[in-house]
Amino acid sequence: MSGRNGASDERGRLATDPFEYRITKQGGVLVLRGGRAVMTVGGGNAARLVAALQRADETHAQHLLARASGNYRRGNERA
């Protein structure tokens, strides 16, 4: 799977170093990785992300969080 709707994780980084998230009292989404905050998503984007995360399985949720954080967007980043 690859592309916009079927993002791939060919190197397995999302499985070995997964994202985590917390929903704030204000309705924002705090995206974490390795125990550190990567970014905060707010407003309408946060509402859409929360709705998508509630429907998603674990693998799809990791791809949603990666997309939201801006990581793994192009597929050519190095570790």
PDB file of N, CA and C in Angstrom:
ATOM      1  N   MET A   1       0.821  -1.174   0.000  1.00  0.00           N
ATOM      2  CA  MET A   1       0.000   0.000   0.000  1.00  0.00           C
ATOM      3  C   MET A   1       0.868   1.240   0.000  1.00  0.00           C
ATOM      4  N   SER A   2       0.518   2.181  -0.820  1.00  0.00           N
ATOM      5  CA  SER A   2       1.229   3.443  -0.789  1.00  0.00           C
ATOM      6  C   SER A   2       0.321   4.521  -1.345  1.00  0.00           C
ATOM      7  N   GLY A   3       0.731   5.752  -1.170  1.00  0.00           N
ATOM      8  CA  GLY A   3      -0.046   6.857  -1.693  1.00  0.00           C
ATOM      9  C   GLY A   3      -0.915   7.512  -0.633  1.00  0.00           C
ATOM     10  N   ARG A   4      -1.745   8.407  -1.074  1.00  0.00           N
ATOM     11  CA  ARG A   4      -2.556   9.236  -0.185  1.00  0.00           C
ATOM     12  C   ARG A   4      -3.500   8.430   0.708  1.00  0.00           C
ATOM     13  N   ASN A   5      -4.242   7.520   0.153  1.00  0.00           N
ATOM     14  CA  ASN A   5      -5.223   6.782   0.937  1.00  0.00           C
ATOM     15  C   ASN A   5      -4.655   5.530   1.584  1.00  0.00           C
ATOM     16  N   GLY A   6      -3.595   4.981   1.053  1.00  0.00           N
ATOM     17  CA  GLY A   6      -3.007   3.774   1.609  1.00  0.00           C
ATOM     18  C   GLY A   6      -1.558   3.983   1.941  1.00  0.00           C
ATOM     19  N   ALA A   7      -1.265   4.853   2.891  1.00  0.00           N
ATOM     20  CA  ALA A   7       0.111   5.160   3.268  1.00  0.00           C
ATOM     21  C   ALA A   7       0.826   3.895   3.717  1.00  0.00           C
ATOM     22  N   SER A   8       2.103   3.807   3.395  1.00  0.00           N
ATOM     23  CA  SER A   8       2.850   2.614   3.766  1.00  0.00           C
ATOM     24  C   SER A   8       3.903   2.948   4.817  1.00  0.00           C
ATOM     25  N   ASP A   9       4.315   1.931   5.498  1.00  0.00           N
ATOM     26  CA  ASP A   9       5.374   2.038   6.502  1.00  0.00           C
ATOM     27  C   ASP A   9       6.348   0.909   6.214  1.00  0.00           C
ATOM     28  N   GLU A  10       6.977   0.979   5.065  1.00  0.00           N
ATOM     29  CA  GLU A  10       7.834  -0.103   4.598  1.00  0.00           C
ATOM     30  C   GLU A  10       8.999  -0.394   5.534  1.00  0.00           C
ATOM     31  N   ARG A  11       9.475   0.601   6.220  1.00  0.00           N
ATOM     32  CA  ARG A  11      10.614   0.396   7.120  1.00  0.00           C
ATOM     33  C   ARG A  11      10.187  -0.025   8.521  1.00  0.00           C
ATOM     34  N   GLY A  12       8.900  -0.049   8.781  1.00  0.00           N
ATOM     35  CA  GLY A  12       8.390  -0.492  10.073  1.00  0.00           C
ATOM     36  C   GLY A  12       8.612   0.473  11.217  1.00  0.00           C
ATOM     37  N   ARG A  13       8.832   1.725  10.926  1.00  0.00           N
ATOM     38  CA  ARG A  13       9.118   2.697  11.989  1.00  0.00           C
ATOM     39  C   ARG A  13       7.915   2.993  12.866  1.00  0.00           C
ATOM     40  N   LEU A  14       6.730   2.937  12.288  1.00  0.00           N
ATOM     41  CA  LEU A  14       5.546   3.218  13.091  1.00  0.00           C
ATOM     42  C   LEU A  14       5.261   2.088  14.067  1.00  0.00           C
ATOM     43  N   ALA A  15       5.727   0.894  13.758  1.00  0.00           N
ATOM     44  CA  ALA A  15       5.540  -0.239  14.671  1.00  0.00           C
ATOM     45  C   ALA A  15       6.593  -0.226  15.778  1.00  0.00           C
ATOM     46  N   THR A  16       7.831   0.130  15.438  1.00  0.00           N
ATOM     47  CA  THR A  16       8.907   0.106  16.427  1.00  0.00           C
ATOM     48  C   THR A  16       8.954   1.364  17.296  1.00  0.00           C
ATOM     49  N   ASP A  17       8.514   2.497  16.750  1.00  0.00           N
ATOM     50  CA  ASP A  17       8.513   3.768  17.482  1.00  0.00           C
ATOM     51  C   ASP A  17       7.187   4.476  17.229  1.00  0.00           C
ATOM     52  N   PRO A  18       6.097   4.000  17.842  1.00  0.00           N
ATOM     53  CA  PRO A  18       4.769   4.520  17.516  1.00  0.00           C
ATOM     54  C   PRO A  18       4.499   5.905  18.089  1.00  0.00           C
ATOM     55  N   PHE A  19       3.534   6.568  17.463  1.00  0.00           N
ATOM     56  CA  PHE A  19       3.020   7.832  17.969  1.00  0.00           C
ATOM     57  C   PHE A  19       2.011   7.540  19.064  1.00  0.00           C
ATOM     58  N   GLU A  20       1.822   8.510  19.927  1.00  0.00           N
ATOM     59  CA  GLU A  20       0.768   8.484  20.935  1.00  0.00           C
ATOM     60  C   GLU A  20       0.036   9.806  20.806  1.00  0.00           C
ATOM     61  N   TYR A  21      -1.159   9.873  21.380  1.00  0.00           N
ATOM     62  CA  TYR A  21      -1.866  11.145  21.351  1.00  0.00           C
ATOM     63  C   TYR A  21      -2.691  11.313  22.610  1.00  0.00           C
ATOM     64  N   ARG A  22      -2.943  12.576  22.932  1.00  0.00           N
ATOM     65  CA  ARG A  22      -3.811  12.936  24.049  1.00  0.00           C
ATOM     66  C   ARG A  22      -4.743  14.024  23.566  1.00  0.00           C
ATOM     67  N   ILE A  23      -5.981  13.932  23.992  1.00  0.00           N
ATOM     68  CA  ILE A  23      -6.957  14.963  23.653  1.00  0.00           C
ATOM     69  C   ILE A  23      -7.005  15.934  24.827  1.00  0.00           C
ATOM     70  N   THR A  24      -6.788  17.215  24.546  1.00  0.00           N
ATOM     71  CA  THR A  24      -6.752  18.228  25.600  1.00  0.00           C
ATOM     72  C   THR A  24      -8.164  18.654  25.991  1.00  0.00           C
ATOM     73  N   LYS A  25      -8.280  19.355  27.114  1.00  0.00           N
ATOM     74  CA  LYS A  25      -9.579  19.846  27.573  1.00  0.00           C
ATOM     75  C   LYS A  25     -10.195  20.829  26.576  1.00  0.00           C
ATOM     76  N   GLN A  26      -9.363  21.539  25.852  1.00  0.00           N
ATOM     77  CA  GLN A  26      -9.834  22.512  24.877  1.00  0.00           C
ATOM     78  C   GLN A  26     -10.234  21.860  23.552  1.00  0.00           C
ATOM     79  N   GLY A  27     -10.042  20.543  23.428  1.00  0.00           N
ATOM     80  CA  GLY A  27     -10.417  19.831  22.206  1.00  0.00           C
ATOM     81  C   GLY A  27      -9.280  19.660  21.221  1.00  0.00           C
ATOM     82  N   GLY A  28      -8.089  20.083  21.582  1.00  0.00           N
ATOM     83  CA  GLY A  28      -6.924  19.902  20.721  1.00  0.00           C
ATOM     84  C   GLY A  28      -6.368  18.488  20.859  1.00  0.00           C
ATOM     85  N   VAL A  29      -5.482  18.142  19.955  1.00  0.00           N
ATOM     86  CA  VAL A  29      -4.835  16.836  19.995  1.00  0.00           C
ATOM     87  C   VAL A  29      -3.337  17.058  20.141  1.00  0.00           C
ATOM     88  N   LEU A  30      -2.770  16.519  21.199  1.00  0.00           N
ATOM     89  CA  LEU A  30      -1.337  16.584  21.439  1.00  0.00           C
ATOM     90  C   LEU A  30      -0.731  15.301  20.894  1.00  0.00           C
ATOM     91  N   VAL A  31       0.127  15.422  19.883  1.00  0.00           N
ATOM     92  CA  VAL A  31       0.762  14.265  19.257  1.00  0.00           C
ATOM     93  C   VAL A  31       2.126  14.073  19.902  1.00  0.00           C
ATOM     94  N   LEU A  32       2.380  12.861  20.425  1.00  0.00           N
ATOM     95  CA  LEU A  32       3.619  12.555  21.133  1.00  0.00           C
ATOM     96  C   LEU A  32       4.353  11.415  20.443  1.00  0.00           C
ATOM     97  N   ARG A  33       5.654  11.412  20.596  1.00  0.00           N
ATOM     98  CA  ARG A  33       6.476  10.309  20.105  1.00  0.00           C
ATOM     99  C   ARG A  33       7.672  10.181  21.031  1.00  0.00           C
ATOM    100  N   GLY A  34       7.870   9.000  21.549  1.00  0.00           N
ATOM    101  CA  GLY A  34       8.961   8.786  22.481  1.00  0.00           C
ATOM    102  C   GLY A  34       8.785   9.562  23.763  1.00  0.00           C
ATOM    103  N   GLY A  35       7.535   9.832  24.159  1.00  0.00           N
ATOM    104  CA  GLY A  35       7.269  10.571  25.373  1.00  0.00           C
ATOM    105  C   GLY A  35       7.396  12.075  25.243  1.00  0.00           C
ATOM    106  N   ARG A  36       7.735  12.565  24.059  1.00  0.00           N
ATOM    107  CA  ARG A  36       7.904  13.998  23.833  1.00  0.00           C
ATOM    108  C   ARG A  36       6.830  14.509  22.898  1.00  0.00           C
ATOM    109  N   ALA A  37       6.382  15.718  23.152  1.00  0.00           N
ATOM    110  CA  ALA A  37       5.378  16.340  22.295  1.00  0.00           C
ATOM    111  C   ALA A  37       5.995  16.683  20.943  1.00  0.00           C
ATOM    112  N   VAL A  38       5.366  16.223  19.882  1.00  0.00           N
ATOM    113  CA  VAL A  38       5.824  16.526  18.531  1.00  0.00           C
ATOM    114  C   VAL A  38       5.121  17.770  18.028  1.00  0.00           C
ATOM    115  N   MET A  39       3.802  17.834  18.256  1.00  0.00           N
ATOM    116  CA  MET A  39       3.033  19.010  17.854  1.00  0.00           C
ATOM    117  C   MET A  39       1.657  18.964  18.480  1.00  0.00           C
ATOM    118  N   THR A  40       0.950  20.073  18.380  1.00  0.00           N
ATOM    119  CA  THR A  40      -0.429  20.164  18.841  1.00  0.00           C
ATOM    120  C   THR A  40      -1.298  20.543  17.653  1.00  0.00           C
ATOM    121  N   VAL A  41      -2.375  19.806  17.460  1.00  0.00           N
ATOM    122  CA  VAL A  41      -3.334  20.089  16.399  1.00  0.00           C
ATOM    123  C   VAL A  41      -4.545  20.718  17.070  1.00  0.00           C
ATOM    124  N   GLY A  42      -5.018  21.828  16.549  1.00  0.00           N
ATOM    125  CA  GLY A  42      -6.141  22.517  17.168  1.00  0.00           C
ATOM    126  C   GLY A  42      -7.237  22.842  16.170  1.00  0.00           C
ATOM    127  N   GLY A  43      -8.327  23.368  16.684  1.00  0.00           N
ATOM    128  CA  GLY A  43      -9.431  23.844  15.867  1.00  0.00           C
ATOM    129  C   GLY A  43     -10.162  22.745  15.119  1.00  0.00           C
ATOM    130  N   GLY A  44     -10.577  23.080  13.916  1.00  0.00           N
ATOM    131  CA  GLY A  44     -11.320  22.143  13.083  1.00  0.00           C
ATOM    132  C   GLY A  44     -10.500  20.933  12.687  1.00  0.00           C
ATOM    133  N   ASN A  45      -9.197  21.134  12.501  1.00  0.00           N
ATOM    134  CA  ASN A  45      -8.323  19.999  12.168  1.00  0.00           C
ATOM    135  C   ASN A  45      -8.298  18.985  13.305  1.00  0.00           C
ATOM    136  N   ALA A  46      -8.309  19.467  14.532  1.00  0.00           N
ATOM    137  CA  ALA A  46      -8.302  18.563  15.685  1.00  0.00           C
ATOM    138  C   ALA A  46      -9.606  17.782  15.759  1.00  0.00           C
ATOM    139  N   ALA A  47     -10.724  18.440  15.509  1.00  0.00           N
ATOM    140  CA  ALA A  47     -12.019  17.761  15.555  1.00  0.00           C
ATOM    141  C   ALA A  47     -12.085  16.652  14.509  1.00  0.00           C
ATOM    142  N   ARG A  48     -11.595  16.936  13.298  1.00  0.00           N
ATOM    143  CA  ARG A  48     -11.577  15.911  12.240  1.00  0.00           C
ATOM    144  C   ARG A  48     -10.637  14.773  12.593  1.00  0.00           C
ATOM    145  N   LEU A  49      -9.482  15.109  13.178  1.00  0.00           N
ATOM    146  CA  LEU A  49      -8.513  14.082  13.559  1.00  0.00           C
ATOM    147  C   LEU A  49      -9.070  13.186  14.656  1.00  0.00           C
ATOM    148  N   VAL A  50      -9.718  13.754  15.658  1.00  0.00           N
ATOM    149  CA  VAL A  50     -10.297  12.964  16.747  1.00  0.00           C
ATOM    150  C   VAL A  50     -11.354  12.011  16.192  1.00  0.00           C
ATOM    151  N   ALA A  51     -12.206  12.505  15.309  1.00  0.00           N
ATOM    152  CA  ALA A  51     -13.246  11.656  14.712  1.00  0.00           C
ATOM    153  C   ALA A  51     -12.626  10.510  13.917  1.00  0.00           C
ATOM    154  N   ALA A  52     -11.576  10.802  13.159  1.00  0.00           N
ATOM    155  CA  ALA A  52     -10.912   9.767  12.366  1.00  0.00           C
ATOM    156  C   ALA A  52     -10.195   8.763  13.260  1.00  0.00           C
ATOM    157  N   LEU A  53      -9.576   9.230  14.344  1.00  0.00           N
ATOM    158  CA  LEU A  53      -8.869   8.334  15.258  1.00  0.00           C
ATOM    159  C   LEU A  53      -9.834   7.397  15.979  1.00  0.00           C
ATOM    160  N   GLN A  54     -11.027   7.869  16.274  1.00  0.00           N
ATOM    161  CA  GLN A  54     -12.014   7.023  16.950  1.00  0.00           C
ATOM    162  C   GLN A  54     -12.492   5.896  16.052  1.00  0.00           C
ATOM    163  N   ARG A  55     -12.504   6.112  14.736  1.00  0.00           N
ATOM    164  CA  ARG A  55     -12.942   5.086  13.784  1.00  0.00           C
ATOM    165  C   ARG A  55     -11.812   4.154  13.364  1.00  0.00           C
ATOM    166  N   ALA A  56     -10.570   4.561  13.554  1.00  0.00           N
ATOM    167  CA  ALA A  56      -9.413   3.858  12.996  1.00  0.00           C
ATOM    168  C   ALA A  56      -8.932   2.716  13.885  1.00  0.00           C
ATOM    169  N   ASP A  57      -8.355   1.696  13.232  1.00  0.00           N
ATOM    170  CA  ASP A  57      -7.645   0.666  13.975  1.00  0.00           C
ATOM    171  C   ASP A  57      -6.251   1.211  14.305  1.00  0.00           C
ATOM    172  N   GLU A  58      -5.438   0.441  15.020  1.00  0.00           N
ATOM    173  CA  GLU A  58      -4.137   0.933  15.491  1.00  0.00           C
ATOM    174  C   GLU A  58      -3.207   1.323  14.340  1.00  0.00           C
ATOM    175  N   THR A  59      -3.143   0.511  13.302  1.00  0.00           N
ATOM    176  CA  THR A  59      -2.248   0.803  12.172  1.00  0.00           C
ATOM    177  C   THR A  59      -2.675   2.079  11.466  1.00  0.00           C
ATOM    178  N   HIS A  60      -3.956   2.198  11.200  1.00  0.00           N
ATOM    179  CA  HIS A  60      -4.454   3.393  10.515  1.00  0.00           C
ATOM    180  C   HIS A  60      -4.278   4.631  11.403  1.00  0.00           C
ATOM    181  N   ALA A  61      -4.465   4.475  12.711  1.00  0.00           N
ATOM    182  CA  ALA A  61      -4.268   5.593  13.637  1.00  0.00           C
ATOM    183  C   ALA A  61      -2.827   6.089  13.591  1.00  0.00           C
ATOM    184  N   GLN A  62      -1.864   5.171  13.489  1.00  0.00           N
ATOM    185  CA  GLN A  62      -0.459   5.570  13.389  1.00  0.00           C
ATOM    186  C   GLN A  62      -0.215   6.384  12.124  1.00  0.00           C
ATOM    187  N   HIS A  63      -0.826   5.985  11.021  1.00  0.00           N
ATOM    188  CA  HIS A  63      -0.675   6.726   9.770  1.00  0.00           C
ATOM    189  C   HIS A  63      -1.333   8.102   9.858  1.00  0.00           C
ATOM    190  N   LEU A  64      -2.485   8.179  10.518  1.00  0.00           N
ATOM    191  CA  LEU A  64      -3.149   9.476  10.700  1.00  0.00           C
ATOM    192  C   LEU A  64      -2.287  10.421  11.529  1.00  0.00           C
ATOM    193  N   LEU A  65      -1.697   9.895  12.610  1.00  0.00           N
ATOM    194  CA  LEU A  65      -0.845  10.728  13.460  1.00  0.00           C
ATOM    195  C   LEU A  65       0.429  11.143  12.740  1.00  0.00           C
ATOM    196  N   ALA A  66       0.991  10.250  11.937  1.00  0.00           N
ATOM    197  CA  ALA A  66       2.187  10.597  11.168  1.00  0.00           C
ATOM    198  C   ALA A  66       1.870  11.693  10.173  1.00  0.00           C
ATOM    199  N   ARG A  67       0.723  11.588   9.510  1.00  0.00           N
ATOM    200  CA  ARG A  67       0.321  12.608   8.553  1.00  0.00           C
ATOM    201  C   ARG A  67       0.076  13.935   9.260  1.00  0.00           C
ATOM    202  N   ALA A  68      -0.599  13.896  10.402  1.00  0.00           N
ATOM    203  CA  ALA A  68      -0.895  15.123  11.147  1.00  0.00           C
ATOM    204  C   ALA A  68       0.374  15.810  11.627  1.00  0.00           C
ATOM    205  N   SER A  69       1.374  15.016  12.020  1.00  0.00           N
ATOM    206  CA  SER A  69       2.608  15.601  12.540  1.00  0.00           C
ATOM    207  C   SER A  69       3.535  16.094  11.444  1.00  0.00           C
ATOM    208  N   GLY A  70       3.298  15.649  10.211  1.00  0.00           N
ATOM    209  CA  GLY A  70       4.161  16.051   9.109  1.00  0.00           C
ATOM    210  C   GLY A  70       5.306  15.091   8.885  1.00  0.00           C
ATOM    211  N   ASN A  71       5.444  14.062   9.721  1.00  0.00           N
ATOM    212  CA  ASN A  71       6.500  13.070   9.554  1.00  0.00           C
ATOM    213  C   ASN A  71       6.081  12.025   8.527  1.00  0.00           C
ATOM    214  N   TYR A  72       7.042  11.488   7.812  1.00  0.00           N
ATOM    215  CA  TYR A  72       6.794  10.436   6.826  1.00  0.00           C
ATOM    216  C   TYR A  72       5.910  10.908   5.687  1.00  0.00           C
ATOM    217  N   ARG A  73       5.947  12.186   5.422  1.00  0.00           N
ATOM    218  CA  ARG A  73       5.090  12.718   4.386  1.00  0.00           C
ATOM    219  C   ARG A  73       5.594  12.355   2.984  1.00  0.00           C
ATOM    220  N   ARG A  74       6.899  12.413   2.779  1.00  0.00           N
ATOM    221  CA  ARG A  74       7.462  12.189   1.462  1.00  0.00           C
ATOM    222  C   ARG A  74       8.045  10.802   1.272  1.00  0.00           C
ATOM    223  N   GLY A  75       8.326  10.133   2.355  1.00  0.00           N
ATOM    224  CA  GLY A  75       8.836   8.770   2.257  1.00  0.00           C
ATOM    225  C   GLY A  75      10.320   8.652   2.011  1.00  0.00           C
ATOM    226  N   ASN A  76      11.042   9.765   1.924  1.00  0.00           N
ATOM    227  CA  ASN A  76      12.474   9.675   1.644  1.00  0.00           C
ATOM    228  C   ASN A  76      13.334  10.184   2.795  1.00  0.00           C
ATOM    229  N   GLU A  77      12.733  10.351   3.973  1.00  0.00           N
ATOM    230  CA  GLU A  77      13.504  10.810   5.117  1.00  0.00           C
ATOM    231  C   GLU A  77      14.394   9.685   5.630  1.00  0.00           C
ATOM    232  N   ARG A  78      15.504  10.049   6.184  1.00  0.00           N
ATOM    233  CA  ARG A  78      16.410   9.056   6.767  1.00  0.00           C
ATOM    234  C   ARG A  78      16.376   9.150   8.273  1.00  0.00           C
ATOM    235  N   ALA A  79      16.700   8.055   8.919  1.00  0.00           N
ATOM    236  CA  ALA A  79      16.672   8.012  10.395  1.00  0.00           C
ATOM    237  C   ALA A  79      17.755   8.855  10.999  1.00  0.00           C
TER     238      ALA A  79
END
